[in-house]
Structure formats: structure tokens, C-alpha cells
Amino acid sequence: MDPMLVNLEAIKAKALSLGGSVLAALLILLLGRMAARLAARTLTRLLERSGTDTTLVRFLYNLVYALLMVLIVVAALEKVGVNTTSFIGILAAAGLAIGLALQGSLSNFAAGVMIILLRHFSVGDRIEAAGQSAGYSTSRSSTRS
């Protein structure tokens, strides 16, 4: 048999194998995105029925959707054949570095989440503290003095 023909057959087999993996990864991404949206919407409906603050509902929707999408992308990359162990390690190290760099800002963010959870303030309230007053707009938390 001709060596050129053997190489061509090997390339063809590899392309079909890789093509199937890429197709399966795209299917994982498509179905996973739909499932992530469905899960996040279901959580949103449950939280809205229980009377949870709108700001917290939106935050949790975005958080759940983003986390599920990260898992879906990792699963799709694994299906294609990418070594995801090192990828997850890099994400963990980057998360730690960002967390340490933004330590002060993250504590302010955590304080904001606690304010939302404890429901001291809601959308439309005016707040006065130390002689300064601030009001919240209808859906965003932009303050005005």
C-alpha cells in the first residue's frame, strides 16, 4: 500500500474523530446554555414568589447563570480534548489573586449584599446619615446627594 494513501486515511480518520468531538462540544454548549437559563429563571421565579428583594433576585440570577456557564464551558472543552485540570487550576489561582487584590472592595460588596439580605433599605427609599442624604432610583443603586 502506498504510504501517502495511509497518511491520507489517518488524517481523514483523525478529522472525523475531531469533528465529532467539536460537534458534541457545540451541542453541550447549546443545551447547557438553555439548561442554565432555565435553572436561573426557575430560581428567579421561586425567589420572587417568596418575596425576595428584586436586587437580590437579579444578583442571584446572574451569579447562578455565570457559574453554570463556566461549568458548561469546562465540560465542552473536556469533550474536545483540552486538559481542563490545568485550566481549572489557573482559574482558581486567578480567583485567589483577584480576591486578594480587591480585598477592600469585596468587603464593601459583601456589606452591600448584607444590606440587601437584611432588607434595611429598599428601592425608592431616601437615606440620611451624617447630614448627607441620598436617594435610590427606581431600579439601580446610583446615589445622588
N, C-alpha and C. Protein backbone atom coordinates (compact mmCIF):
# COMPACT_ATOMS: atom_id res chain seq x y z
N MET A 1 0.83 -1.17 0.00
CA MET A 1 0.00 0.00 0.00
C MET A 1 0.88 1.24 0.00
N ASP A 2 0.42 2.26 -0.66
CA ASP A 2 1.17 3.50 -0.79
C ASP A 2 1.21 4.25 0.55
N PRO A 3 2.41 4.69 1.02
CA PRO A 3 2.49 5.41 2.30
C PRO A 3 1.69 6.72 2.28
N MET A 4 1.58 7.35 1.14
CA MET A 4 0.82 8.60 1.04
C MET A 4 -0.66 8.32 1.29
N LEU A 5 -1.16 7.21 0.80
CA LEU A 5 -2.55 6.83 0.98
C LEU A 5 -2.83 6.49 2.45
N VAL A 6 -1.88 5.84 3.10
CA VAL A 6 -2.02 5.50 4.52
C VAL A 6 -2.09 6.79 5.34
N ASN A 7 -1.22 7.76 5.03
CA ASN A 7 -1.24 9.04 5.74
C ASN A 7 -2.56 9.78 5.52
N LEU A 8 -3.07 9.73 4.31
CA LEU A 8 -4.33 10.39 4.00
C LEU A 8 -5.48 9.76 4.77
N GLU A 9 -5.48 8.44 4.86
CA GLU A 9 -6.51 7.74 5.63
C GLU A 9 -6.42 8.08 7.12
N ALA A 10 -5.21 8.17 7.63
CA ALA A 10 -5.02 8.52 9.04
C ALA A 10 -5.51 9.94 9.32
N ILE A 11 -5.21 10.85 8.42
CA ILE A 11 -5.66 12.23 8.57
C ILE A 11 -7.19 12.31 8.52
N LYS A 12 -7.77 11.54 7.60
CA LYS A 12 -9.22 11.52 7.45
C LYS A 12 -9.88 10.98 8.72
N ALA A 13 -9.34 9.91 9.27
CA ALA A 13 -9.90 9.33 10.50
C ALA A 13 -9.78 10.32 11.67
N LYS A 14 -8.64 10.99 11.77
CA LYS A 14 -8.43 11.96 12.85
C LYS A 14 -9.39 13.15 12.71
N ALA A 15 -9.60 13.61 11.47
CA ALA A 15 -10.51 14.74 11.22
C ALA A 15 -11.94 14.37 11.58
N LEU A 16 -12.36 13.15 11.23
CA LEU A 16 -13.71 12.71 11.58
C LEU A 16 -13.87 12.60 13.09
N SER A 17 -12.85 12.10 13.76
CA SER A 17 -12.90 11.97 15.21
C SER A 17 -12.96 13.34 15.87
N LEU A 18 -12.13 14.26 15.43
CA LEU A 18 -12.11 15.60 15.99
C LEU A 18 -13.39 16.35 15.65
N GLY A 19 -13.90 16.16 14.43
CA GLY A 19 -15.15 16.80 14.01
C GLY A 19 -16.31 16.36 14.88
N GLY A 20 -16.35 15.07 15.21
CA GLY A 20 -17.40 14.58 16.11
C GLY A 20 -17.28 15.17 17.50
N SER A 21 -16.04 15.32 17.97
CA SER A 21 -15.83 15.92 19.29
C SER A 21 -16.24 17.38 19.31
N VAL A 22 -15.91 18.10 18.25
CA VAL A 22 -16.29 19.52 18.16
C VAL A 22 -17.80 19.65 18.08
N LEU A 23 -18.44 18.79 17.31
CA LEU A 23 -19.89 18.82 17.21
C LEU A 23 -20.54 18.52 18.57
N ALA A 24 -20.00 17.53 19.28
CA ALA A 24 -20.52 17.21 20.61
C ALA A 24 -20.31 18.37 21.58
N ALA A 25 -19.16 19.05 21.47
CA ALA A 25 -18.90 20.20 22.35
C ALA A 25 -19.87 21.33 22.06
N LEU A 26 -20.15 21.58 20.79
CA LEU A 26 -21.13 22.62 20.44
C LEU A 26 -22.52 22.27 20.96
N LEU A 27 -22.86 21.00 20.90
CA LEU A 27 -24.14 20.55 21.42
C LEU A 27 -24.19 20.73 22.94
N ILE A 28 -23.09 20.43 23.62
CA ILE A 28 -23.02 20.64 25.07
C ILE A 28 -23.20 22.11 25.39
N LEU A 29 -22.55 22.98 24.62
CA LEU A 29 -22.69 24.42 24.86
C LEU A 29 -24.12 24.90 24.63
N LEU A 30 -24.73 24.45 23.56
CA LEU A 30 -26.09 24.89 23.23
C LEU A 30 -27.10 24.40 24.27
N LEU A 31 -27.09 23.11 24.53
CA LEU A 31 -28.04 22.57 25.51
C LEU A 31 -27.73 23.04 26.93
N GLY A 32 -26.45 23.18 27.23
CA GLY A 32 -26.07 23.67 28.55
C GLY A 32 -26.51 25.09 28.79
N ARG A 33 -26.40 25.93 27.76
CA ARG A 33 -26.84 27.33 27.89
C ARG A 33 -28.34 27.39 28.13
N MET A 34 -29.09 26.56 27.41
CA MET A 34 -30.54 26.53 27.62
C MET A 34 -30.87 26.03 29.03
N ALA A 35 -30.16 25.02 29.49
CA ALA A 35 -30.40 24.48 30.84
C ALA A 35 -30.02 25.50 31.91
N ALA A 36 -28.93 26.25 31.69
CA ALA A 36 -28.51 27.26 32.66
C ALA A 36 -29.55 28.37 32.75
N ARG A 37 -30.06 28.81 31.62
CA ARG A 37 -31.12 29.83 31.62
C ARG A 37 -32.36 29.32 32.34
N LEU A 38 -32.74 28.09 32.07
CA LEU A 38 -33.92 27.50 32.70
C LEU A 38 -33.73 27.42 34.22
N ALA A 39 -32.56 26.98 34.65
CA ALA A 39 -32.30 26.88 36.09
C ALA A 39 -32.30 28.25 36.76
N ALA A 40 -31.68 29.23 36.11
CA ALA A 40 -31.64 30.58 36.68
C ALA A 40 -33.04 31.20 36.71
N ARG A 41 -33.83 30.98 35.66
CA ARG A 41 -35.20 31.51 35.65
C ARG A 41 -36.07 30.84 36.70
N THR A 42 -35.89 29.54 36.89
CA THR A 42 -36.65 28.83 37.92
C THR A 42 -36.30 29.38 39.30
N LEU A 43 -35.03 29.60 39.55
CA LEU A 43 -34.61 30.20 40.82
C LEU A 43 -35.22 31.59 40.99
N THR A 44 -35.23 32.37 39.92
CA THR A 44 -35.81 33.72 39.96
C THR A 44 -37.28 33.66 40.32
N ARG A 45 -38.02 32.77 39.68
CA ARG A 45 -39.45 32.65 39.99
C ARG A 45 -39.69 32.25 41.44
N LEU A 46 -38.90 31.30 41.93
CA LEU A 46 -39.06 30.87 43.32
C LEU A 46 -38.76 32.01 44.29
N LEU A 47 -37.71 32.76 44.01
CA LEU A 47 -37.35 33.86 44.90
C LEU A 47 -38.38 34.99 44.85
N GLU A 48 -38.91 35.27 43.65
CA GLU A 48 -39.93 36.32 43.53
C GLU A 48 -41.21 35.92 44.25
N ARG A 49 -41.58 34.65 44.18
CA ARG A 49 -42.78 34.19 44.89
C ARG A 49 -42.61 34.27 46.40
N SER A 50 -41.38 34.09 46.87
CA SER A 50 -41.16 34.15 48.31
C SER A 50 -40.98 35.58 48.81
N GLY A 51 -41.02 36.57 47.89
CA GLY A 51 -40.95 37.96 48.31
C GLY A 51 -39.54 38.49 48.49
N THR A 52 -38.57 37.87 47.88
CA THR A 52 -37.18 38.32 47.98
C THR A 52 -37.01 39.62 47.22
N ASP A 53 -36.14 40.48 47.72
CA ASP A 53 -35.88 41.78 47.12
C ASP A 53 -35.44 41.62 45.66
N THR A 54 -35.91 42.53 44.81
CA THR A 54 -35.63 42.46 43.37
C THR A 54 -34.14 42.52 43.08
N THR A 55 -33.43 43.35 43.82
CA THR A 55 -31.99 43.48 43.60
C THR A 55 -31.27 42.16 43.86
N LEU A 56 -31.64 41.50 44.93
CA LEU A 56 -31.03 40.22 45.28
C LEU A 56 -31.41 39.14 44.26
N VAL A 57 -32.63 39.17 43.78
CA VAL A 57 -33.07 38.20 42.77
C VAL A 57 -32.24 38.34 41.50
N ARG A 58 -32.03 39.57 41.03
CA ARG A 58 -31.22 39.79 39.83
C ARG A 58 -29.77 39.35 40.04
N PHE A 59 -29.23 39.68 41.21
CA PHE A 59 -27.86 39.29 41.52
C PHE A 59 -27.71 37.77 41.51
N LEU A 60 -28.62 37.06 42.16
CA LEU A 60 -28.54 35.61 42.22
C LEU A 60 -28.77 34.97 40.86
N TYR A 61 -29.64 35.56 40.05
CA TYR A 61 -29.85 35.07 38.68
C TYR A 61 -28.52 35.12 37.92
N ASN A 62 -27.88 36.29 37.94
CA ASN A 62 -26.62 36.44 37.21
C ASN A 62 -25.52 35.53 37.76
N LEU A 63 -25.45 35.38 39.08
CA LEU A 63 -24.45 34.53 39.70
C LEU A 63 -24.64 33.07 39.31
N VAL A 64 -25.86 32.57 39.42
CA VAL A 64 -26.14 31.17 39.08
C VAL A 64 -25.88 30.91 37.60
N TYR A 65 -26.32 31.83 36.74
CA TYR A 65 -26.12 31.66 35.31
C TYR A 65 -24.63 31.64 34.97
N ALA A 66 -23.86 32.56 35.56
CA ALA A 66 -22.42 32.63 35.26
C ALA A 66 -21.70 31.37 35.74
N LEU A 67 -22.00 30.90 36.93
CA LEU A 67 -21.36 29.70 37.45
C LEU A 67 -21.69 28.46 36.60
N LEU A 68 -22.95 28.34 36.21
CA LEU A 68 -23.33 27.20 35.37
C LEU A 68 -22.66 27.28 34.00
N MET A 69 -22.54 28.48 33.45
CA MET A 69 -21.88 28.62 32.15
C MET A 69 -20.40 28.27 32.23
N VAL A 70 -19.74 28.59 33.33
CA VAL A 70 -18.34 28.20 33.49
C VAL A 70 -18.22 26.68 33.50
N LEU A 71 -19.11 26.02 34.22
CA LEU A 71 -19.09 24.55 34.25
C LEU A 71 -19.37 23.95 32.86
N ILE A 72 -20.28 24.56 32.14
CA ILE A 72 -20.63 24.07 30.80
C ILE A 72 -19.45 24.24 29.84
N VAL A 73 -18.79 25.39 29.90
CA VAL A 73 -17.64 25.62 29.02
C VAL A 73 -16.52 24.63 29.34
N VAL A 74 -16.29 24.37 30.62
CA VAL A 74 -15.25 23.40 31.01
C VAL A 74 -15.62 22.01 30.49
N ALA A 75 -16.90 21.64 30.58
CA ALA A 75 -17.33 20.33 30.07
C ALA A 75 -17.15 20.24 28.55
N ALA A 76 -17.44 21.33 27.84
CA ALA A 76 -17.28 21.33 26.38
C ALA A 76 -15.80 21.24 26.01
N LEU A 77 -14.96 21.95 26.73
CA LEU A 77 -13.51 21.88 26.45
C LEU A 77 -12.98 20.47 26.72
N GLU A 78 -13.48 19.84 27.76
CA GLU A 78 -13.07 18.47 28.08
C GLU A 78 -13.48 17.52 26.96
N LYS A 79 -14.65 17.75 26.39
CA LYS A 79 -15.14 16.90 25.30
C LYS A 79 -14.26 17.03 24.05
N VAL A 80 -13.76 18.23 23.79
CA VAL A 80 -12.88 18.45 22.64
C VAL A 80 -11.53 17.81 22.86
N GLY A 81 -11.12 17.67 24.11
CA GLY A 81 -9.84 17.04 24.40
C GLY A 81 -8.85 17.95 25.09
N VAL A 82 -9.30 19.13 25.50
CA VAL A 82 -8.43 20.05 26.21
C VAL A 82 -8.25 19.56 27.65
N ASN A 83 -7.03 19.62 28.16
CA ASN A 83 -6.76 19.23 29.53
C ASN A 83 -7.31 20.32 30.47
N THR A 84 -8.45 20.06 31.08
CA THR A 84 -9.12 21.08 31.89
C THR A 84 -8.57 21.16 33.31
N THR A 85 -7.77 20.21 33.72
CA THR A 85 -7.21 20.26 35.07
C THR A 85 -6.35 21.50 35.25
N SER A 86 -5.48 21.76 34.30
CA SER A 86 -4.64 22.95 34.40
C SER A 86 -5.46 24.22 34.22
N PHE A 87 -6.49 24.17 33.39
CA PHE A 87 -7.38 25.32 33.19
C PHE A 87 -8.09 25.68 34.49
N ILE A 88 -8.59 24.69 35.21
CA ILE A 88 -9.27 24.93 36.48
C ILE A 88 -8.28 25.45 37.52
N GLY A 89 -7.06 24.93 37.50
CA GLY A 89 -6.03 25.44 38.40
C GLY A 89 -5.70 26.90 38.15
N ILE A 90 -5.64 27.27 36.87
CA ILE A 90 -5.37 28.67 36.52
C ILE A 90 -6.53 29.56 36.97
N LEU A 91 -7.76 29.10 36.77
CA LEU A 91 -8.92 29.87 37.23
C LEU A 91 -8.91 30.06 38.75
N ALA A 92 -8.56 29.01 39.47
CA ALA A 92 -8.50 29.11 40.93
C ALA A 92 -7.42 30.09 41.38
N ALA A 93 -6.26 30.01 40.77
CA ALA A 93 -5.18 30.93 41.12
C ALA A 93 -5.54 32.38 40.78
N ALA A 94 -6.18 32.57 39.62
CA ALA A 94 -6.61 33.92 39.23
C ALA A 94 -7.66 34.45 40.19
N GLY A 95 -8.59 33.59 40.61
CA GLY A 95 -9.61 33.99 41.58
C GLY A 95 -9.00 34.40 42.90
N LEU A 96 -8.01 33.65 43.35
CA LEU A 96 -7.33 33.99 44.60
C LEU A 96 -6.60 35.32 44.47
N ALA A 97 -5.89 35.51 43.37
CA ALA A 97 -5.15 36.75 43.17
C ALA A 97 -6.08 37.95 43.09
N ILE A 98 -7.18 37.81 42.37
CA ILE A 98 -8.15 38.91 42.26
C ILE A 98 -8.79 39.18 43.61
N GLY A 99 -9.11 38.11 44.35
CA GLY A 99 -9.70 38.29 45.68
C GLY A 99 -8.78 39.02 46.62
N LEU A 100 -7.51 38.70 46.59
CA LEU A 100 -6.56 39.41 47.46
C LEU A 100 -6.35 40.85 47.01
N ALA A 101 -6.33 41.08 45.71
CA ALA A 101 -6.12 42.43 45.20
C ALA A 101 -7.32 43.34 45.49
N LEU A 102 -8.51 42.78 45.47
CA LEU A 102 -9.72 43.57 45.68
C LEU A 102 -10.31 43.37 47.07
N GLN A 103 -9.49 43.07 48.03
CA GLN A 103 -9.97 42.73 49.36
C GLN A 103 -10.88 43.81 49.95
N GLY A 104 -10.48 45.07 49.85
CA GLY A 104 -11.28 46.17 50.39
C GLY A 104 -12.59 46.33 49.65
N SER A 105 -12.53 46.25 48.33
CA SER A 105 -13.74 46.40 47.52
C SER A 105 -14.70 45.23 47.76
N LEU A 106 -14.15 44.03 47.91
CA LEU A 106 -15.00 42.87 48.15
C LEU A 106 -15.68 42.94 49.51
N SER A 107 -15.04 43.56 50.50
CA SER A 107 -15.69 43.71 51.80
C SER A 107 -16.85 44.69 51.68
N ASN A 108 -16.69 45.74 50.87
CA ASN A 108 -17.80 46.67 50.62
C ASN A 108 -18.93 45.97 49.86
N PHE A 109 -18.57 45.11 48.92
CA PHE A 109 -19.57 44.35 48.18
C PHE A 109 -20.34 43.42 49.12
N ALA A 110 -19.62 42.76 50.02
CA ALA A 110 -20.27 41.87 50.98
C ALA A 110 -21.19 42.66 51.91
N ALA A 111 -20.78 43.85 52.28
CA ALA A 111 -21.64 44.69 53.12
C ALA A 111 -22.91 45.06 52.37
N GLY A 112 -22.79 45.35 51.06
CA GLY A 112 -23.97 45.65 50.25
C GLY A 112 -24.91 44.48 50.16
N VAL A 113 -24.36 43.29 50.00
CA VAL A 113 -25.20 42.08 49.95
C VAL A 113 -25.92 41.89 51.29
N MET A 114 -25.23 42.14 52.38
CA MET A 114 -25.86 42.02 53.70
C MET A 114 -26.99 43.03 53.87
N ILE A 115 -26.80 44.24 53.36
CA ILE A 115 -27.88 45.24 53.42
C ILE A 115 -29.09 44.75 52.65
N ILE A 116 -28.85 44.16 51.48
CA ILE A 116 -29.96 43.65 50.68
C ILE A 116 -30.64 42.48 51.39
N LEU A 117 -29.84 41.57 51.95
CA LEU A 117 -30.41 40.40 52.63
C LEU A 117 -31.22 40.78 53.86
N LEU A 118 -30.72 41.74 54.62
CA LEU A 118 -31.41 42.13 55.85
C LEU A 118 -32.55 43.11 55.60
N ARG A 119 -32.64 43.61 54.37
CA ARG A 119 -33.75 44.48 53.94
C ARG A 119 -33.92 45.73 54.78
N HIS A 120 -32.84 46.38 55.12
CA HIS A 120 -32.95 47.65 55.83
C HIS A 120 -33.46 48.73 54.90
N PHE A 121 -33.08 48.64 53.61
CA PHE A 121 -33.44 49.63 52.62
C PHE A 121 -34.02 48.93 51.41
N SER A 122 -34.94 49.60 50.75
CA SER A 122 -35.46 49.04 49.50
C SER A 122 -35.43 50.13 48.43
N VAL A 123 -35.72 49.75 47.22
CA VAL A 123 -35.69 50.67 46.10
C VAL A 123 -36.68 51.79 46.34
N GLY A 124 -36.25 53.04 46.19
CA GLY A 124 -37.10 54.21 46.38
C GLY A 124 -36.93 54.89 47.72
N ASP A 125 -36.23 54.28 48.67
CA ASP A 125 -36.01 54.88 49.99
C ASP A 125 -35.01 56.02 49.90
N ARG A 126 -35.19 57.03 50.78
CA ARG A 126 -34.22 58.09 50.94
C ARG A 126 -33.48 57.83 52.24
N ILE A 127 -32.17 58.00 52.19
CA ILE A 127 -31.32 57.69 53.35
C ILE A 127 -30.61 58.95 53.79
N GLU A 128 -30.63 59.23 55.10
CA GLU A 128 -29.89 60.36 55.65
C GLU A 128 -28.91 59.83 56.69
N ALA A 129 -27.66 60.25 56.56
CA ALA A 129 -26.63 59.86 57.51
C ALA A 129 -25.57 60.95 57.56
N ALA A 130 -25.21 61.37 58.74
CA ALA A 130 -24.17 62.37 58.97
C ALA A 130 -24.44 63.65 58.18
N GLY A 131 -25.69 64.07 58.16
CA GLY A 131 -26.03 65.32 57.49
C GLY A 131 -26.13 65.23 55.98
N GLN A 132 -25.88 64.09 55.40
CA GLN A 132 -25.97 63.87 53.95
C GLN A 132 -27.19 63.02 53.66
N SER A 133 -27.84 63.31 52.56
CA SER A 133 -28.97 62.46 52.19
C SER A 133 -28.74 61.90 50.80
N ALA A 134 -29.27 60.73 50.57
CA ALA A 134 -29.12 60.08 49.27
C ALA A 134 -30.41 59.36 48.95
N GLY A 135 -30.76 59.32 47.68
CA GLY A 135 -31.96 58.61 47.25
C GLY A 135 -31.58 57.60 46.20
N TYR A 136 -32.33 56.52 46.13
CA TYR A 136 -32.09 55.48 45.14
C TYR A 136 -33.09 55.61 44.01
N SER A 137 -32.63 55.38 42.79
CA SER A 137 -33.54 55.43 41.65
C SER A 137 -34.42 54.20 41.66
N THR A 138 -35.27 54.08 40.67
CA THR A 138 -36.28 53.01 40.68
C THR A 138 -35.70 51.61 40.59
N SER A 139 -34.59 51.41 39.85
CA SER A 139 -34.09 50.05 39.70
C SER A 139 -32.58 49.92 39.86
N ARG A 140 -31.86 50.99 39.87
CA ARG A 140 -30.42 50.94 40.00
C ARG A 140 -30.02 51.58 41.33
N SER A 141 -28.85 51.25 41.82
CA SER A 141 -28.41 51.79 43.09
C SER A 141 -27.42 52.94 42.89
N SER A 142 -27.77 53.89 42.03
CA SER A 142 -26.91 55.07 41.85
C SER A 142 -27.37 56.14 42.82
N THR A 143 -26.47 56.67 43.62
CA THR A 143 -26.84 57.63 44.65
C THR A 143 -26.69 59.04 44.14
N ARG A 144 -27.49 59.92 44.69
CA ARG A 144 -27.36 61.35 44.40
C ARG A 144 -27.37 62.09 45.72
N SER A 145 -26.57 63.13 45.82
CA SER A 145 -26.53 63.91 47.06
C SER A 145 -27.37 65.14 46.94
